[in-house]
Amino acid sequence: VQLVDSGGAVVQPGGSLRLSCVASGLTLTFSGYKMSWYRQAPGKEREAVATITNFPSHRTDYSTSVAGRFTIFRDDGKNTIYLQMNNMEPEDTAVYYCHVFDVHKIREYWGQGTQVTVSS
């Protein structure tokens, strides 16, 4: 299993960015997967910012700090998870990681991370 994160860049405040996570070795439509984007800023703990679950129904959840600005979605044909980030703020600066948790096997997988910097 491999998750490859990409799309990180330097963006100005108020700008937009889309991160991608291409999965191989697993199929993201499997009902037992919980798919998330995490981020970790310097000196802070890693936190979940957006999650998609497949079971019992399709559902998305967001942290309060990004709700209304970020959108997580999936392209099943490309087996890829995306994080669309709009109206970005300097506080969004962090390394962003893709994460898949298998609720049946109690196993987790991480992407390698991609750096996002919001600065003027």
C-alpha atoms as a PDB file:
ATOM      1  CA  VAL A   1       0.000   0.000   0.000  1.00  0.00           C
ATOM      2  CA  GLN A   2       1.260   3.440  -0.896  1.00  0.00           C
ATOM      3  CA  LEU A   3      -0.198   6.936  -0.539  1.00  0.00           C
ATOM      4  CA  VAL A   4       1.540   9.696  -2.514  1.00  0.00           C
ATOM      5  CA  ASP A   5       0.740  13.279  -1.482  1.00  0.00           C
ATOM      6  CA  SER A   6       1.348  16.211  -3.799  1.00  0.00           C
ATOM      7  CA  GLY A   7       0.239  19.757  -4.550  1.00  0.00           C
ATOM      8  CA  GLY A   8       1.860  21.694  -1.748  1.00  0.00           C
ATOM      9  CA  ALA A   9       3.139  25.178  -2.604  1.00  0.00           C
ATOM     10  CA  VAL A  10       3.550  28.743  -1.391  1.00  0.00           C
ATOM     11  CA  VAL A  11       0.291  30.690  -1.697  1.00  0.00           C
ATOM     12  CA  GLN A  12      -0.773  34.180  -0.664  1.00  0.00           C
ATOM     13  CA  PRO A  13      -3.424  34.785   2.014  1.00  0.00           C
ATOM     14  CA  GLY A  14      -6.872  34.487   0.483  1.00  0.00           C
ATOM     15  CA  GLY A  15      -5.573  32.165  -2.214  1.00  0.00           C
ATOM     16  CA  SER A  16      -6.511  28.590  -3.113  1.00  0.00           C
ATOM     17  CA  LEU A  17      -4.677  25.304  -3.447  1.00  0.00           C
ATOM     18  CA  ARG A  18      -5.642  21.693  -4.172  1.00  0.00           C
ATOM     19  CA  LEU A  19      -3.772  18.759  -2.657  1.00  0.00           C
ATOM     20  CA  SER A  20      -3.868  15.252  -4.133  1.00  0.00           C
ATOM     21  CA  CYS A  21      -3.308  11.827  -2.624  1.00  0.00           C
ATOM     22  CA  VAL A  22      -2.969   8.936  -5.063  1.00  0.00           C
ATOM     23  CA  ALA A  23      -3.544   5.534  -3.478  1.00  0.00           C
ATOM     24  CA  SER A  24      -2.121   2.242  -4.713  1.00  0.00           C
ATOM     25  CA  GLY A  25      -2.559  -1.190  -3.199  1.00  0.00           C
ATOM     26  CA  LEU A  26      -6.015  -0.397  -1.871  1.00  0.00           C
ATOM     27  CA  THR A  27      -9.371   0.714  -3.311  1.00  0.00           C
ATOM     28  CA  LEU A  28     -10.723   3.869  -1.694  1.00  0.00           C
ATOM     29  CA  THR A  29     -14.368   2.903  -2.256  1.00  0.00           C
ATOM     30  CA  PHE A  30     -14.058   0.061   0.270  1.00  0.00           C
ATOM     31  CA  SER A  31     -16.622   0.611   3.013  1.00  0.00           C
ATOM     32  CA  GLY A  32     -14.136  -0.056   5.798  1.00  0.00           C
ATOM     33  CA  TYR A  33     -11.874   2.883   5.020  1.00  0.00           C
ATOM     34  CA  LYS A  34     -11.804   6.227   6.770  1.00  0.00           C
ATOM     35  CA  MET A  35      -9.863   8.731   4.673  1.00  0.00           C
ATOM     36  CA  SER A  36      -8.467  11.965   6.083  1.00  0.00           C
ATOM     37  CA  TRP A  37      -6.147  14.865   5.589  1.00  0.00           C
ATOM     38  CA  TYR A  38      -4.010  15.780   8.588  1.00  0.00           C
ATOM     39  CA  ARG A  39      -1.655  18.688   9.035  1.00  0.00           C
ATOM     40  CA  GLN A  40       1.233  19.484  11.327  1.00  0.00           C
ATOM     41  CA  ALA A  41       2.545  22.980  11.865  1.00  0.00           C
ATOM     42  CA  PRO A  42       5.991  23.643  13.387  1.00  0.00           C
ATOM     43  CA  GLY A  43       5.927  23.037  17.132  1.00  0.00           C
ATOM     44  CA  LYS A  44       2.371  21.720  17.082  1.00  0.00           C
ATOM     45  CA  GLU A  45       0.757  18.300  17.166  1.00  0.00           C
ATOM     46  CA  ARG A  46      -0.602  16.670  14.025  1.00  0.00           C
ATOM     47  CA  GLU A  47      -4.329  17.330  13.658  1.00  0.00           C
ATOM     48  CA  ALA A  48      -7.072  15.987  11.407  1.00  0.00           C
ATOM     49  CA  VAL A  49      -8.659  18.708   9.281  1.00  0.00           C
ATOM     50  CA  ALA A  50     -10.984  16.766   6.946  1.00  0.00           C
ATOM     51  CA  THR A  51     -12.368  13.213   6.776  1.00  0.00           C
ATOM     52  CA  ILE A  52     -14.444  11.073   4.410  1.00  0.00           C
ATOM     53  CA  THR A  53     -16.111   7.868   5.557  1.00  0.00           C
ATOM     54  CA  ASN A  54     -17.919   5.365   3.339  1.00  0.00           C
ATOM     55  CA  PHE A  55     -19.962   3.442   5.903  1.00  0.00           C
ATOM     56  CA  PRO A  56     -22.740   3.428   6.937  1.00  0.00           C
ATOM     57  CA  SER A  57     -23.153   6.287   4.470  1.00  0.00           C
ATOM     58  CA  HIS A  58     -20.947   8.730   2.657  1.00  0.00           C
ATOM     59  CA  ARG A  59     -20.025  11.468   5.115  1.00  0.00           C
ATOM     60  CA  THR A  60     -17.519  14.302   5.355  1.00  0.00           C
ATOM     61  CA  ASP A  61     -16.333  16.070   8.521  1.00  0.00           C
ATOM     62  CA  TYR A  62     -14.123  19.104   9.064  1.00  0.00           C
ATOM     63  CA  SER A  63     -12.285  20.712  11.930  1.00  0.00           C
ATOM     64  CA  THR A  64     -13.693  24.032  13.060  1.00  0.00           C
ATOM     65  CA  SER A  65     -10.581  25.831  11.828  1.00  0.00           C
ATOM     66  CA  VAL A  66     -11.176  24.853   8.176  1.00  0.00           C
ATOM     67  CA  ALA A  67     -14.968  24.300   7.936  1.00  0.00           C
ATOM     68  CA  GLY A  68     -16.432  26.395   5.152  1.00  0.00           C
ATOM     69  CA  ARG A  69     -13.034  26.911   3.496  1.00  0.00           C
ATOM     70  CA  PHE A  70     -11.721  23.385   2.800  1.00  0.00           C
ATOM     71  CA  THR A  71     -13.413  20.543   0.931  1.00  0.00           C
ATOM     72  CA  ILE A  72     -12.352  16.896   0.901  1.00  0.00           C
ATOM     73  CA  PHE A  73     -13.506  14.744  -1.996  1.00  0.00           C
ATOM     74  CA  ARG A  74     -12.589  11.599  -3.875  1.00  0.00           C
ATOM     75  CA  ASP A  75     -12.210  10.603  -7.519  1.00  0.00           C
ATOM     76  CA  ASP A  76     -12.978   6.888  -7.606  1.00  0.00           C
ATOM     77  CA  GLY A  77     -11.802   6.479 -11.180  1.00  0.00           C
ATOM     78  CA  LYS A  78      -8.372   7.819 -10.233  1.00  0.00           C
ATOM     79  CA  ASN A  79      -8.357   6.255  -6.743  1.00  0.00           C
ATOM     80  CA  THR A  80      -7.360   9.679  -5.466  1.00  0.00           C
ATOM     81  CA  ILE A  81      -8.337  11.847  -2.493  1.00  0.00           C
ATOM     82  CA  TYR A  82      -8.258  15.625  -2.821  1.00  0.00           C
ATOM     83  CA  LEU A  83      -8.272  18.550  -0.430  1.00  0.00           C
ATOM     84  CA  GLN A  84      -9.492  21.795  -1.970  1.00  0.00           C
ATOM     85  CA  MET A  85      -8.364  24.740   0.169  1.00  0.00           C
ATOM     86  CA  ASN A  86      -9.903  28.177  -0.384  1.00  0.00           C
ATOM     87  CA  ASN A  87      -9.565  31.523   1.350  1.00  0.00           C
ATOM     88  CA  MET A  88      -6.355  30.348   2.891  1.00  0.00           C
ATOM     89  CA  GLU A  89      -4.847  31.912   5.993  1.00  0.00           C
ATOM     90  CA  PRO A  90      -1.267  32.069   7.344  1.00  0.00           C
ATOM     91  CA  GLU A  91      -2.431  29.682  10.100  1.00  0.00           C
ATOM     92  CA  ASP A  92      -2.939  27.022   7.412  1.00  0.00           C
ATOM     93  CA  THR A  93       0.823  26.788   6.963  1.00  0.00           C
ATOM     94  CA  ALA A  94       1.826  23.194   7.721  1.00  0.00           C
ATOM     95  CA  VAL A  95       2.882  19.878   6.276  1.00  0.00           C
ATOM     96  CA  TYR A  96      -0.255  18.110   5.063  1.00  0.00           C
ATOM     97  CA  TYR A  97      -0.564  14.333   5.175  1.00  0.00           C
ATOM     98  CA  CYS A  98      -3.021  11.949   3.572  1.00  0.00           C
ATOM     99  CA  HIS A  99      -4.226   9.163   5.898  1.00  0.00           C
ATOM    100  CA  VAL A 100      -6.311   6.015   5.411  1.00  0.00           C
ATOM    101  CA  PHE A 101      -7.537   3.965   8.355  1.00  0.00           C
ATOM    102  CA  ASP A 102      -8.853   0.432   7.835  1.00  0.00           C
ATOM    103  CA  VAL A 103     -11.500   0.007  10.547  1.00  0.00           C
ATOM    104  CA  HIS A 104     -11.667  -3.785  10.046  1.00  0.00           C
ATOM    105  CA  LYS A 105      -7.964  -4.585  10.105  1.00  0.00           C
ATOM    106  CA  ILE A 106      -7.174  -1.766  12.544  1.00  0.00           C
ATOM    107  CA  ARG A 107      -4.400  -0.645  10.265  1.00  0.00           C
ATOM    108  CA  GLU A 108      -3.411   2.816   9.067  1.00  0.00           C
ATOM    109  CA  TYR A 109      -1.484   4.222   6.147  1.00  0.00           C
ATOM    110  CA  TRP A 110       0.184   7.631   5.726  1.00  0.00           C
ATOM    111  CA  GLY A 111       1.336   9.686   2.800  1.00  0.00           C
ATOM    112  CA  GLN A 112       4.790  11.226   2.899  1.00  0.00           C
ATOM    113  CA  GLY A 113       3.477  14.770   3.397  1.00  0.00           C
ATOM    114  CA  THR A 114       3.448  17.911   1.289  1.00  0.00           C
ATOM    115  CA  GLN A 115       4.433  21.411   2.482  1.00  0.00           C
ATOM    116  CA  VAL A 116       1.871  24.213   2.306  1.00  0.00           C
ATOM    117  CA  THR A 117       2.979  27.759   3.111  1.00  0.00           C
ATOM    118  CA  VAL A 118       0.594  30.720   3.228  1.00  0.00           C
ATOM    119  CA  SER A 119       2.526  33.955   3.138  1.00  0.00           C
ATOM    120  CA  SER A 120       2.496  37.312   1.428  1.00  0.00           C
END
